Amino acid sequence: MNLRTPLNAILGFGQLLQRQNPTEIQKIRIRYILDAGKHLLQLINEVLDISRIESGRIQMSLEPVGVANALVEALDLMRPLR
């Protein structure tokens, strides 16, 4: 089992919940689960990439990053925690 397996199960169950005709409140909560899960999957992939880079198994390329978009996305993920 790798790091992604349990997270893929969570995302899969979230997608199944979306198909079950949820209420509006449930739709919002399911969206939070799926968005946070996708974000966590992205972080896991980045950690694994860093591990590959450090071990010399992958090469990096410099690319521009949209800081404003990244901040908006981070705020959207954190807002429900208030």
N, C-alpha and C. Protein backbone atom coordinates (compact mmCIF):
# COMPACT_ATOMS: atom_id res chain seq x y z
N MET A 1 0.86 -1.18 0.00
CA MET A 1 0.00 0.00 0.00
C MET A 1 0.90 1.24 0.00
N ASN A 2 0.55 2.21 -0.82
CA ASN A 2 1.32 3.45 -0.81
C ASN A 2 0.52 4.56 -0.13
N LEU A 3 1.08 5.75 -0.08
CA LEU A 3 0.44 6.87 0.60
C LEU A 3 -0.89 7.28 -0.04
N ARG A 4 -1.04 7.04 -1.31
CA ARG A 4 -2.24 7.50 -2.02
C ARG A 4 -3.44 6.58 -1.84
N THR A 5 -3.23 5.32 -1.50
CA THR A 5 -4.32 4.34 -1.47
C THR A 5 -5.46 4.74 -0.53
N PRO A 6 -5.21 5.09 0.74
CA PRO A 6 -6.33 5.46 1.61
C PRO A 6 -7.01 6.74 1.14
N LEU A 7 -6.24 7.67 0.62
CA LEU A 7 -6.82 8.93 0.15
C LEU A 7 -7.70 8.70 -1.07
N ASN A 8 -7.27 7.82 -1.95
CA ASN A 8 -8.10 7.50 -3.12
C ASN A 8 -9.42 6.86 -2.68
N ALA A 9 -9.41 6.08 -1.61
CA ALA A 9 -10.65 5.50 -1.08
C ALA A 9 -11.58 6.61 -0.58
N ILE A 10 -11.03 7.58 0.13
CA ILE A 10 -11.84 8.70 0.63
C ILE A 10 -12.44 9.48 -0.53
N LEU A 11 -11.62 9.77 -1.54
CA LEU A 11 -12.12 10.50 -2.70
C LEU A 11 -13.19 9.69 -3.43
N GLY A 12 -12.98 8.39 -3.53
CA GLY A 12 -13.97 7.53 -4.19
C GLY A 12 -15.29 7.52 -3.45
N PHE A 13 -15.26 7.42 -2.12
CA PHE A 13 -16.49 7.45 -1.34
C PHE A 13 -17.17 8.82 -1.44
N GLY A 14 -16.37 9.88 -1.49
CA GLY A 14 -16.94 11.22 -1.67
C GLY A 14 -17.67 11.33 -3.00
N GLN A 15 -17.09 10.75 -4.05
CA GLN A 15 -17.74 10.77 -5.35
C GLN A 15 -19.02 9.93 -5.35
N LEU A 16 -19.00 8.82 -4.62
CA LEU A 16 -20.22 8.01 -4.50
C LEU A 16 -21.31 8.79 -3.76
N LEU A 17 -20.92 9.53 -2.72
CA LEU A 17 -21.91 10.34 -1.99
C LEU A 17 -22.55 11.39 -2.89
N GLN A 18 -21.77 11.95 -3.80
CA GLN A 18 -22.30 12.94 -4.73
C GLN A 18 -23.42 12.37 -5.60
N ARG A 19 -23.36 11.09 -5.87
CA ARG A 19 -24.34 10.44 -6.74
C ARG A 19 -25.60 10.00 -6.01
N GLN A 20 -25.64 10.17 -4.69
CA GLN A 20 -26.75 9.66 -3.88
C GLN A 20 -27.86 10.68 -3.67
N ASN A 21 -27.94 11.71 -4.52
CA ASN A 21 -28.96 12.74 -4.40
C ASN A 21 -28.89 13.45 -3.04
N PRO A 22 -27.74 14.04 -2.70
CA PRO A 22 -27.58 14.68 -1.39
C PRO A 22 -28.37 15.99 -1.29
N THR A 23 -28.63 16.41 -0.04
CA THR A 23 -29.26 17.71 0.20
C THR A 23 -28.25 18.81 -0.13
N GLU A 24 -28.70 20.04 -0.13
CA GLU A 24 -27.80 21.16 -0.44
C GLU A 24 -26.67 21.25 0.57
N ILE A 25 -26.98 21.09 1.85
CA ILE A 25 -25.94 21.14 2.90
C ILE A 25 -24.95 20.00 2.69
N GLN A 26 -25.46 18.80 2.38
CA GLN A 26 -24.58 17.66 2.14
C GLN A 26 -23.71 17.89 0.92
N LYS A 27 -24.25 18.53 -0.13
CA LYS A 27 -23.46 18.83 -1.32
C LYS A 27 -22.27 19.72 -0.97
N ILE A 28 -22.52 20.72 -0.13
CA ILE A 28 -21.44 21.62 0.29
C ILE A 28 -20.38 20.85 1.06
N ARG A 29 -20.81 20.02 1.99
CA ARG A 29 -19.86 19.25 2.80
C ARG A 29 -19.09 18.23 1.97
N ILE A 30 -19.76 17.60 1.04
CA ILE A 30 -19.09 16.65 0.14
C ILE A 30 -18.05 17.39 -0.71
N ARG A 31 -18.41 18.58 -1.17
CA ARG A 31 -17.46 19.38 -1.97
C ARG A 31 -16.23 19.70 -1.14
N TYR A 32 -16.40 20.04 0.16
CA TYR A 32 -15.25 20.29 1.04
C TYR A 32 -14.37 19.05 1.15
N ILE A 33 -15.01 17.89 1.32
CA ILE A 33 -14.25 16.64 1.42
C ILE A 33 -13.44 16.40 0.14
N LEU A 34 -14.10 16.54 -1.00
CA LEU A 34 -13.42 16.28 -2.26
C LEU A 34 -12.32 17.31 -2.55
N ASP A 35 -12.60 18.58 -2.28
CA ASP A 35 -11.58 19.61 -2.51
C ASP A 35 -10.37 19.41 -1.61
N ALA A 36 -10.63 19.15 -0.33
CA ALA A 36 -9.53 18.93 0.61
C ALA A 36 -8.76 17.66 0.26
N GLY A 37 -9.48 16.62 -0.15
CA GLY A 37 -8.82 15.38 -0.55
C GLY A 37 -7.94 15.55 -1.77
N LYS A 38 -8.44 16.30 -2.75
CA LYS A 38 -7.62 16.57 -3.95
C LYS A 38 -6.40 17.40 -3.59
N HIS A 39 -6.59 18.35 -2.69
CA HIS A 39 -5.46 19.17 -2.25
C HIS A 39 -4.42 18.30 -1.54
N LEU A 40 -4.89 17.43 -0.65
CA LEU A 40 -3.98 16.54 0.05
C LEU A 40 -3.27 15.59 -0.91
N LEU A 41 -3.97 15.11 -1.91
CA LEU A 41 -3.35 14.24 -2.92
C LEU A 41 -2.25 14.99 -3.66
N GLN A 42 -2.51 16.26 -3.96
CA GLN A 42 -1.49 17.09 -4.60
C GLN A 42 -0.26 17.23 -3.70
N LEU A 43 -0.49 17.46 -2.40
CA LEU A 43 0.63 17.58 -1.46
C LEU A 43 1.42 16.28 -1.37
N ILE A 44 0.72 15.16 -1.31
CA ILE A 44 1.40 13.86 -1.25
C ILE A 44 2.25 13.66 -2.50
N ASN A 45 1.70 14.00 -3.66
CA ASN A 45 2.45 13.87 -4.90
C ASN A 45 3.69 14.76 -4.89
N GLU A 46 3.55 15.97 -4.33
CA GLU A 46 4.70 16.88 -4.25
C GLU A 46 5.78 16.33 -3.31
N VAL A 47 5.36 15.75 -2.18
CA VAL A 47 6.32 15.15 -1.25
C VAL A 47 7.06 13.99 -1.93
N LEU A 48 6.32 13.17 -2.65
CA LEU A 48 6.94 12.05 -3.36
C LEU A 48 7.89 12.56 -4.45
N ASP A 49 7.51 13.65 -5.12
CA ASP A 49 8.41 14.25 -6.12
C ASP A 49 9.69 14.77 -5.47
N ILE A 50 9.55 15.42 -4.32
CA ILE A 50 10.74 15.93 -3.61
C ILE A 50 11.66 14.77 -3.25
N SER A 51 11.06 13.68 -2.81
CA SER A 51 11.85 12.49 -2.47
C SER A 51 12.60 11.98 -3.69
N ARG A 52 11.92 11.97 -4.84
CA ARG A 52 12.58 11.51 -6.08
C ARG A 52 13.69 12.48 -6.49
N ILE A 53 13.45 13.77 -6.33
CA ILE A 53 14.47 14.77 -6.68
C ILE A 53 15.70 14.58 -5.80
N GLU A 54 15.47 14.44 -4.49
CA GLU A 54 16.59 14.29 -3.56
C GLU A 54 17.38 13.02 -3.81
N SER A 55 16.71 11.99 -4.30
CA SER A 55 17.42 10.73 -4.57
C SER A 55 18.03 10.71 -5.96
N GLY A 56 17.80 11.79 -6.74
CA GLY A 56 18.38 11.88 -8.08
C GLY A 56 17.62 11.11 -9.14
N ARG A 57 16.39 10.69 -8.84
CA ARG A 57 15.60 9.92 -9.79
C ARG A 57 14.72 10.79 -10.69
N ILE A 58 14.74 12.12 -10.49
CA ILE A 58 13.91 13.00 -11.32
C ILE A 58 14.63 14.34 -11.45
N GLN A 59 14.41 15.00 -12.58
CA GLN A 59 15.00 16.32 -12.77
C GLN A 59 13.91 17.38 -12.66
N MET A 60 14.30 18.56 -12.19
CA MET A 60 13.35 19.66 -12.03
C MET A 60 13.42 20.60 -13.21
N SER A 61 12.32 21.29 -13.45
CA SER A 61 12.29 22.38 -14.42
C SER A 61 11.60 23.57 -13.75
N LEU A 62 12.14 24.75 -13.94
CA LEU A 62 11.56 25.96 -13.35
C LEU A 62 10.33 26.37 -14.14
N GLU A 63 9.25 26.68 -13.40
CA GLU A 63 8.00 27.10 -14.02
C GLU A 63 7.40 28.23 -13.19
N PRO A 64 6.70 29.15 -13.84
CA PRO A 64 6.06 30.24 -13.08
C PRO A 64 4.89 29.69 -12.25
N VAL A 65 4.63 30.34 -11.12
CA VAL A 65 3.55 29.95 -10.22
C VAL A 65 2.64 31.16 -10.03
N GLY A 66 1.35 30.95 -10.16
CA GLY A 66 0.38 32.02 -9.91
C GLY A 66 0.12 32.14 -8.42
N VAL A 67 0.84 33.03 -7.76
CA VAL A 67 0.74 33.16 -6.31
C VAL A 67 -0.67 33.57 -5.88
N ALA A 68 -1.28 34.51 -6.60
CA ALA A 68 -2.62 34.97 -6.24
C ALA A 68 -3.61 33.80 -6.27
N ASN A 69 -3.55 32.97 -7.30
CA ASN A 69 -4.45 31.81 -7.40
C ASN A 69 -4.19 30.82 -6.26
N ALA A 70 -2.94 30.61 -5.94
CA ALA A 70 -2.59 29.68 -4.85
C ALA A 70 -3.14 30.18 -3.52
N LEU A 71 -3.05 31.49 -3.28
CA LEU A 71 -3.57 32.06 -2.03
C LEU A 71 -5.09 31.95 -1.96
N VAL A 72 -5.76 32.23 -3.06
CA VAL A 72 -7.22 32.13 -3.09
C VAL A 72 -7.65 30.69 -2.80
N GLU A 73 -6.96 29.74 -3.41
CA GLU A 73 -7.29 28.33 -3.18
C GLU A 73 -7.05 27.93 -1.73
N ALA A 74 -5.94 28.39 -1.16
CA ALA A 74 -5.64 28.09 0.25
C ALA A 74 -6.70 28.68 1.17
N LEU A 75 -7.10 29.91 0.91
CA LEU A 75 -8.12 30.56 1.74
C LEU A 75 -9.46 29.83 1.61
N ASP A 76 -9.81 29.39 0.41
CA ASP A 76 -11.06 28.64 0.22
C ASP A 76 -11.06 27.35 1.01
N LEU A 77 -9.89 26.70 1.09
CA LEU A 77 -9.81 25.45 1.85
C LEU A 77 -9.87 25.69 3.35
N MET A 78 -9.34 26.82 3.81
CA MET A 78 -9.25 27.09 5.24
C MET A 78 -10.50 27.78 5.80
N ARG A 79 -11.24 28.48 4.97
CA ARG A 79 -12.40 29.24 5.42
C ARG A 79 -13.40 28.40 6.22
N PRO A 80 -13.71 27.17 5.83
CA PRO A 80 -14.69 26.37 6.61
C PRO A 80 -14.20 26.02 8.02
N LEU A 81 -12.94 26.18 8.31
CA LEU A 81 -12.41 25.81 9.62
C LEU A 81 -12.68 26.86 10.69
N ARG A 82 -13.20 28.00 10.29
CA ARG A 82 -13.47 29.07 11.29
C ARG A 82 -14.49 28.66 12.29
